[in-house]
């Protein structure tokens, strides 16, 4: 046995003492005055609409910057219109969504708080751990437990909560954590067993959604590691069962929305191992390897505040 950190020594402060870098006023209203002129965006929108008409899944894996750039209302609207059937969060998404719903503000500067060892150590945010633990005891997934709590609780800004919208609309919003990556894992009330159980439940919910990906669409927006890696394993599981049943999951569309400047190259060709691009998980996993048996992939390069409203606008034109 090795020595472990004594959590009882930590000093957690109230969120009222934290300087927030994002406020609910920065969550953008729906609209896109001038959508990006991008033929691939139009094609992705058309494929999403076609997928929903045939009853196939449209799964959106996302990173926290989607929320931090004010795009929550766009994601919720697509859920409400039935154009997105599953949303996959990383752990940071859940934290920002929860804080926005609770106090109308979120996001702290690492540079501001790490020197004094205060980064992430805020009392109210740690409530997530208790909510997830109680939910896990009932068999709830991480996202379901949080979404239910926000929707049913006294959260003044629950209208911008993707988690609450998922619970309200019965659209799965799953949370895929890696222990040690999120600020709530610093807290004394964090229970790795219950959070792991709840996130594992969410992984199985995602794998079930992927079973309906034939003819569907997988969107990966702003997540360079979680989205590609969790999707890859879920797809392998879904294909394993489909193969046994004489079915296939290969004719579907994937689309990555990110800032990485990859459009100057043919992103449908896998980079060699001696090239840095080889280690971009979204490139080789989502854009190439998982669609090489019959699927089609797209890469949309740009800021979320331009690309997401533009996709939303194209979908409004078609649906």
Foldseek 3Di string as FASTA:
>chain_A
DDDDDDQVPDDFAAPVPADFPWFLVQQDDADDPDADPDPVLLVVLVLLVQCVVVPFAEEEEEEQVCVVNNNLVLVLVCVVVVSHQAYEYEPNNLLQLLCCQAPRTHDHDCVVPVVVPHPLRHPPSLVLQVQLLVQLVVVAASLQSSLVPSLPHDGNRNVSRPSVSCNVSVRYYAYAYDQPPHSSNSHPSHDPVSNVSRNVSSLVVVLVSLLRQASHEYEYEHDQPPRLVSVQVSNVVSQVVCVVVVHHRAAHEYEYEEADPDVVDDLQDQDDPVDPVNPRSCSCRVQYDRRVVHYHYYYHHDDSVRSSSSSSVSNVVVD
